[in-house]
N, C-alpha and C. Protein backbone atom coordinates (compact mmCIF):
# COMPACT_ATOMS: atom_id res chain seq x y z
N UNK A 1 -124.20 22.34 -41.58
CA UNK A 1 -125.41 21.81 -41.73
C UNK A 1 -126.78 22.91 -41.30
N UNK A 2 -127.50 22.20 -42.27
CA UNK A 2 -128.73 23.36 -42.10
C UNK A 2 -130.11 22.18 -41.97
N UNK A 3 -131.14 22.43 -41.78
CA UNK A 3 -131.87 21.82 -41.18
C UNK A 3 -133.44 22.19 -41.64
N UNK A 4 -134.13 21.96 -42.01
CA UNK A 4 -135.71 22.30 -42.48
C UNK A 4 -136.49 23.43 -40.89
N UNK A 5 -136.58 24.52 -41.37
CA UNK A 5 -137.17 25.29 -39.85
C UNK A 5 -138.28 24.73 -39.19
N UNK A 6 -138.63 24.36 -38.36
CA UNK A 6 -139.73 24.08 -37.71
C UNK A 6 -140.89 25.52 -37.85
N UNK A 7 -141.89 24.92 -37.22
CA UNK A 7 -142.12 23.51 -36.11
C UNK A 7 -142.49 22.95 -37.19
N UNK A 8 -142.34 21.57 -36.95
CA UNK A 8 -142.69 20.37 -37.47
C UNK A 8 -144.00 19.57 -36.70
N UNK A 9 -144.59 18.61 -37.52
CA UNK A 9 -145.58 18.18 -36.67
C UNK A 9 -145.51 16.89 -37.46
N UNK A 10 -146.48 15.70 -36.70
CA UNK A 10 -146.83 14.88 -37.31
C UNK A 10 -148.13 14.78 -38.19
N UNK A 11 -148.30 14.49 -39.72
CA UNK A 11 -149.32 14.77 -40.18
C UNK A 11 -150.62 13.76 -39.64
N UNK A 12 -151.29 14.32 -39.74
CA UNK A 12 -152.64 14.02 -38.90
C UNK A 12 -153.24 12.32 -39.27
N UNK A 13 -153.05 12.10 -40.72
CA UNK A 13 -152.92 11.29 -41.36
C UNK A 13 -151.90 10.16 -41.49
N UNK A 14 -152.36 8.86 -41.61
CA UNK A 14 -151.36 8.10 -42.30
C UNK A 14 -151.25 7.70 -43.69
N UNK A 15 -149.81 7.43 -44.29
CA UNK A 15 -149.89 7.72 -45.64
C UNK A 15 -149.73 6.26 -45.79
N UNK A 16 -150.12 5.19 -46.97
CA UNK A 16 -149.69 4.19 -47.75
C UNK A 16 -148.61 4.33 -49.08
N UNK A 17 -147.31 3.98 -48.42
CA UNK A 17 -146.28 3.89 -49.99
C UNK A 17 -146.29 2.84 -50.30
N UNK A 18 -146.51 2.87 -51.48
CA UNK A 18 -146.14 1.38 -52.42
C UNK A 18 -144.62 1.94 -53.48
N UNK A 19 -144.49 0.36 -53.69
CA UNK A 19 -143.28 0.11 -54.42
C UNK A 19 -142.89 0.58 -55.71
N UNK A 20 -144.01 1.48 -56.35
CA UNK A 20 -144.17 2.45 -58.18
C UNK A 20 -143.72 3.72 -57.29
N UNK A 21 -143.57 4.13 -56.17
CA UNK A 21 -142.82 5.43 -54.89
C UNK A 21 -141.67 5.80 -56.14
N UNK A 22 -141.38 7.12 -56.11
CA UNK A 22 -140.23 7.51 -56.73
C UNK A 22 -138.96 7.93 -55.99
N UNK A 23 -139.39 8.00 -55.12
CA UNK A 23 -138.67 7.76 -53.75
C UNK A 23 -137.80 7.10 -53.43
N UNK A 24 -136.24 7.57 -53.40
CA UNK A 24 -135.71 6.42 -53.52
C UNK A 24 -135.15 5.76 -52.08
N UNK A 25 -135.34 6.74 -50.95
CA UNK A 25 -135.76 6.06 -49.61
C UNK A 25 -136.72 5.17 -49.61
N UNK A 26 -137.86 5.00 -49.94
CA UNK A 26 -138.92 4.36 -49.70
C UNK A 26 -138.64 3.14 -50.58
N UNK A 27 -138.47 3.52 -51.73
CA UNK A 27 -137.63 1.86 -52.97
C UNK A 27 -137.19 1.01 -51.52
N UNK A 28 -135.99 2.04 -50.75
CA UNK A 28 -134.91 1.40 -50.44
C UNK A 28 -135.16 0.59 -49.35
N UNK A 29 -136.67 1.23 -48.57
CA UNK A 29 -137.20 0.74 -47.60
C UNK A 29 -137.87 -0.72 -47.71
N UNK A 30 -138.66 -0.53 -48.90
CA UNK A 30 -139.64 -1.33 -49.14
C UNK A 30 -138.79 -2.80 -49.74
N UNK A 31 -137.47 -2.47 -50.57
CA UNK A 31 -136.48 -3.46 -50.96
C UNK A 31 -136.26 -4.01 -49.55
N UNK A 32 -135.78 -3.51 -48.35
CA UNK A 32 -134.87 -4.29 -47.53
C UNK A 32 -135.96 -4.71 -46.80
N UNK A 33 -137.48 -4.46 -46.46
CA UNK A 33 -138.61 -5.43 -45.53
C UNK A 33 -139.15 -6.68 -46.39
N UNK A 34 -138.85 -6.21 -47.77
CA UNK A 34 -139.18 -7.50 -48.34
C UNK A 34 -141.19 -7.25 -48.78
N UNK A 35 -141.46 -5.72 -48.60
CA UNK A 35 -142.88 -6.00 -49.19
C UNK A 35 -143.16 -4.93 -49.86
N UNK A 36 -144.63 -4.88 -50.16
CA UNK A 36 -144.67 -4.05 -51.18
C UNK A 36 -145.57 -2.71 -51.24
N UNK A 37 -145.94 -1.89 -50.10
CA UNK A 37 -146.08 -1.70 -49.20
C UNK A 37 -146.04 -1.02 -47.85
N UNK A 38 -146.36 -0.23 -47.42
CA UNK A 38 -146.13 -0.10 -46.00
C UNK A 38 -147.40 1.58 -45.64
N UNK A 39 -147.81 1.67 -44.41
CA UNK A 39 -148.40 2.69 -43.84
C UNK A 39 -147.39 3.56 -42.72
N UNK A 40 -147.05 4.61 -43.37
CA UNK A 40 -146.44 5.56 -42.39
C UNK A 40 -147.13 6.61 -42.13
N UNK A 41 -146.17 7.34 -40.87
CA UNK A 41 -146.25 8.76 -40.56
C UNK A 41 -145.41 9.61 -41.41
N UNK A 42 -145.61 10.46 -41.53
CA UNK A 42 -145.26 11.72 -42.26
C UNK A 42 -144.64 13.24 -40.98
N UNK A 43 -143.59 13.23 -40.93
CA UNK A 43 -143.35 14.54 -40.17
C UNK A 43 -142.78 15.62 -40.76
N UNK A 44 -142.82 16.56 -40.84
CA UNK A 44 -142.95 17.64 -41.71
C UNK A 44 -143.57 18.83 -41.11
N UNK A 45 -142.65 20.05 -42.16
CA UNK A 45 -143.38 21.50 -42.11
C UNK A 45 -144.91 21.18 -42.89
N UNK A 46 -145.67 22.55 -43.01
CA UNK A 46 -146.70 22.67 -43.99
C UNK A 46 -146.09 22.58 -44.97
N UNK A 47 -145.26 22.42 -45.82
CA UNK A 47 -144.53 22.73 -46.92
C UNK A 47 -144.24 21.33 -47.62
N UNK A 48 -143.49 20.58 -46.38
CA UNK A 48 -143.55 19.31 -47.00
C UNK A 48 -142.73 18.32 -45.82
N UNK A 49 -142.72 17.13 -46.16
CA UNK A 49 -142.29 15.91 -45.14
C UNK A 49 -140.50 16.10 -45.04
N UNK A 50 -140.11 15.81 -43.98
CA UNK A 50 -138.63 15.62 -43.73
C UNK A 50 -138.44 14.38 -43.49
N UNK A 51 -138.97 13.61 -42.91
CA UNK A 51 -139.26 12.25 -42.37
C UNK A 51 -140.43 11.28 -42.69
N UNK A 52 -140.39 9.88 -43.21
CA UNK A 52 -141.23 9.35 -43.37
C UNK A 52 -140.93 7.99 -42.58
N UNK A 53 -141.83 7.59 -41.59
CA UNK A 53 -141.57 6.79 -40.53
C UNK A 53 -142.75 5.57 -41.09
N UNK A 54 -141.94 4.26 -41.03
CA UNK A 54 -142.88 2.86 -41.11
C UNK A 54 -143.86 3.26 -39.83
N UNK A 55 -144.98 2.92 -39.91
CA UNK A 55 -146.04 2.96 -38.90
C UNK A 55 -145.89 1.61 -38.17
N UNK A 56 -145.31 1.63 -37.10
CA UNK A 56 -145.88 0.65 -35.88
C UNK A 56 -145.49 0.98 -34.76
N UNK A 57 -145.63 0.70 -33.48
CA UNK A 57 -145.91 0.88 -32.42
C UNK A 57 -144.92 2.18 -31.56
N UNK A 58 -144.04 1.59 -32.13
CA UNK A 58 -142.67 2.12 -31.00
C UNK A 58 -142.38 3.22 -32.22
N UNK A 59 -142.70 3.25 -33.25
CA UNK A 59 -142.37 4.49 -34.27
C UNK A 59 -143.23 5.73 -33.92
N UNK A 60 -144.47 5.19 -33.13
CA UNK A 60 -145.22 6.71 -32.84
C UNK A 60 -144.30 7.25 -32.06
N UNK A 61 -143.65 6.80 -31.02
CA UNK A 61 -142.71 7.51 -30.37
C UNK A 61 -141.62 8.58 -31.40
N UNK A 62 -141.37 7.47 -31.97
CA UNK A 62 -140.55 7.78 -32.66
C UNK A 62 -140.33 9.10 -33.37
N UNK A 63 -141.71 9.25 -34.21
CA UNK A 63 -142.06 10.58 -34.72
C UNK A 63 -142.01 11.58 -33.84
N UNK A 64 -143.13 11.31 -32.88
CA UNK A 64 -143.23 12.68 -31.90
C UNK A 64 -141.71 12.93 -31.40
N UNK A 65 -140.69 12.41 -31.15
CA UNK A 65 -139.49 13.04 -30.72
C UNK A 65 -138.78 13.47 -31.91
N UNK A 66 -139.06 12.91 -33.63
CA UNK A 66 -138.42 13.77 -34.31
C UNK A 66 -139.21 15.04 -34.59
N UNK A 67 -140.56 15.21 -34.48
CA UNK A 67 -141.32 16.45 -34.82
C UNK A 67 -140.92 17.72 -33.45
N UNK A 68 -140.49 16.99 -32.29
CA UNK A 68 -140.02 18.33 -31.28
C UNK A 68 -138.75 18.57 -31.54
N UNK A 69 -137.82 17.95 -32.57
CA UNK A 69 -136.72 18.12 -32.53
C UNK A 69 -136.42 19.53 -32.83
N UNK A 70 -136.71 20.33 -34.04
CA UNK A 70 -135.82 21.80 -34.17
C UNK A 70 -136.24 22.55 -33.09
N UNK A 71 -137.57 22.25 -31.84
CA UNK A 71 -138.07 22.91 -31.14
C UNK A 71 -136.96 22.89 -29.88
N UNK A 72 -136.73 21.66 -29.34
CA UNK A 72 -135.47 21.25 -28.32
C UNK A 72 -133.90 21.88 -28.73
N UNK A 73 -133.59 21.64 -29.84
CA UNK A 73 -132.61 22.49 -30.28
C UNK A 73 -132.50 23.89 -30.04
N UNK A 74 -133.94 24.88 -30.68
CA UNK A 74 -133.52 25.80 -30.22
C UNK A 74 -133.67 26.48 -28.97
N UNK A 75 -134.14 25.54 -27.55
CA UNK A 75 -134.32 25.56 -26.55
C UNK A 75 -132.92 25.55 -26.04
N UNK A 76 -132.19 24.28 -26.64
CA UNK A 76 -130.70 24.17 -26.02
C UNK A 76 -129.81 25.34 -26.25
N UNK A 77 -130.38 26.05 -27.54
CA UNK A 77 -129.74 26.94 -27.79
C UNK A 77 -129.58 28.06 -26.78
N UNK A 78 -131.22 28.84 -26.51
CA UNK A 78 -131.62 29.26 -25.73
C UNK A 78 -131.15 29.36 -24.27
N UNK A 79 -130.55 27.93 -23.80
CA UNK A 79 -130.38 28.13 -22.55
C UNK A 79 -129.06 28.37 -22.81
N UNK A 80 -127.89 28.13 -23.68
CA UNK A 80 -126.80 28.70 -23.44
C UNK A 80 -126.59 30.04 -23.34
N UNK A 81 -127.45 30.52 -24.59
CA UNK A 81 -127.36 31.70 -24.64
C UNK A 81 -127.92 32.65 -23.17
N UNK A 82 -128.75 32.11 -22.95
CA UNK A 82 -129.84 33.00 -21.27
C UNK A 82 -128.45 33.10 -20.12
N UNK A 83 -127.84 31.45 -20.37
CA UNK A 83 -126.78 31.63 -19.12
C UNK A 83 -125.83 32.57 -19.40
N UNK A 84 -125.32 32.93 -20.65
CA UNK A 84 -124.12 33.52 -20.72
C UNK A 84 -124.10 35.13 -20.51
N UNK A 85 -126.02 35.55 -20.97
CA UNK A 85 -126.41 36.79 -21.20
C UNK A 85 -126.64 37.41 -19.31
N UNK A 86 -127.36 36.34 -19.08
CA UNK A 86 -127.82 36.36 -17.45
C UNK A 86 -126.46 36.08 -16.67
N UNK A 87 -125.25 35.74 -17.03
CA UNK A 87 -124.04 35.41 -16.04
C UNK A 87 -124.60 34.20 -14.89
N UNK A 88 -125.69 33.03 -15.53
CA UNK A 88 -126.08 32.24 -14.65
C UNK A 88 -125.28 31.30 -14.45
N UNK A 89 -124.30 30.82 -13.43
CA UNK A 89 -123.53 29.78 -13.22
C UNK A 89 -124.21 28.21 -13.83
N UNK A 90 -123.76 27.83 -14.33
CA UNK A 90 -123.66 26.64 -14.69
C UNK A 90 -122.37 25.74 -14.67
N UNK A 91 -122.22 24.45 -13.76
CA UNK A 91 -121.37 23.72 -14.27
C UNK A 91 -120.53 23.42 -15.70
N UNK A 92 -119.47 23.72 -15.69
CA UNK A 92 -118.42 23.11 -16.92
C UNK A 92 -119.10 22.00 -17.53
N UNK A 93 -119.32 21.20 -16.98
CA UNK A 93 -119.81 19.90 -17.78
C UNK A 93 -120.76 19.74 -17.91
N UNK A 94 -121.50 20.67 -17.38
CA UNK A 94 -123.31 20.92 -18.24
C UNK A 94 -123.05 21.74 -19.08
N UNK A 95 -122.45 22.80 -19.48
CA UNK A 95 -122.16 23.47 -20.73
C UNK A 95 -121.53 22.83 -21.81
N UNK A 96 -120.81 21.96 -21.63
CA UNK A 96 -120.02 21.53 -22.31
C UNK A 96 -121.19 19.79 -23.36
N UNK A 97 -121.38 19.63 -21.84
CA UNK A 97 -122.93 18.50 -22.51
C UNK A 97 -124.17 19.26 -23.26
N UNK A 98 -123.50 20.29 -23.13
CA UNK A 98 -124.96 20.76 -24.34
C UNK A 98 -124.56 21.91 -25.27
N UNK A 99 -123.53 21.78 -25.47
CA UNK A 99 -122.52 22.02 -26.59
C UNK A 99 -122.79 20.99 -27.51
N UNK A 100 -122.17 19.78 -26.37
CA UNK A 100 -122.24 18.65 -26.98
C UNK A 100 -123.03 18.20 -28.13
N UNK A 101 -124.05 18.31 -27.21
CA UNK A 101 -125.50 17.83 -28.07
C UNK A 101 -125.91 18.62 -29.78
N UNK A 102 -125.70 20.06 -29.03
CA UNK A 102 -125.84 21.37 -30.22
C UNK A 102 -125.09 20.53 -31.17
N UNK A 103 -123.89 20.32 -31.22
CA UNK A 103 -122.83 19.97 -32.24
C UNK A 103 -123.41 18.82 -33.19
N UNK A 104 -123.67 17.85 -32.28
CA UNK A 104 -124.22 16.47 -32.72
C UNK A 104 -125.32 17.02 -33.45
N UNK A 105 -126.52 17.58 -33.47
CA UNK A 105 -128.19 17.99 -33.96
C UNK A 105 -127.68 18.69 -35.24
N UNK A 106 -126.19 19.35 -35.23
CA UNK A 106 -126.21 20.02 -36.66
C UNK A 106 -125.15 19.79 -36.98
N UNK A 107 -124.49 18.73 -36.55
CA UNK A 107 -123.35 18.23 -37.78
C UNK A 107 -122.04 19.42 -37.45
N UNK A 108 -121.73 19.81 -35.95
CA UNK A 108 -120.71 20.79 -36.36
C UNK A 108 -119.75 20.12 -35.68
């Protein structure tokens, strides 16, 4: 699985999405919500969005977590590499836990 390379950020302004959108995910959300429009945060790179998140208080926190995901994945990989190169002793369960999270994030 390949993800859009970071860094990701939350767009500085919210956008309003309406029922006439060509985006199937937006159309589906509007149908499920019974609304004809919604305000949303966009998370992505300067080249485009990777996630559109309906705006409400808890989703701002979700957007922040999504935006930092590529950086967290890279840092987990760095921790594993560093422990191997420097022969830093981590418990097997700690290494397994990090590897499990990386596998989950990458679909491996």
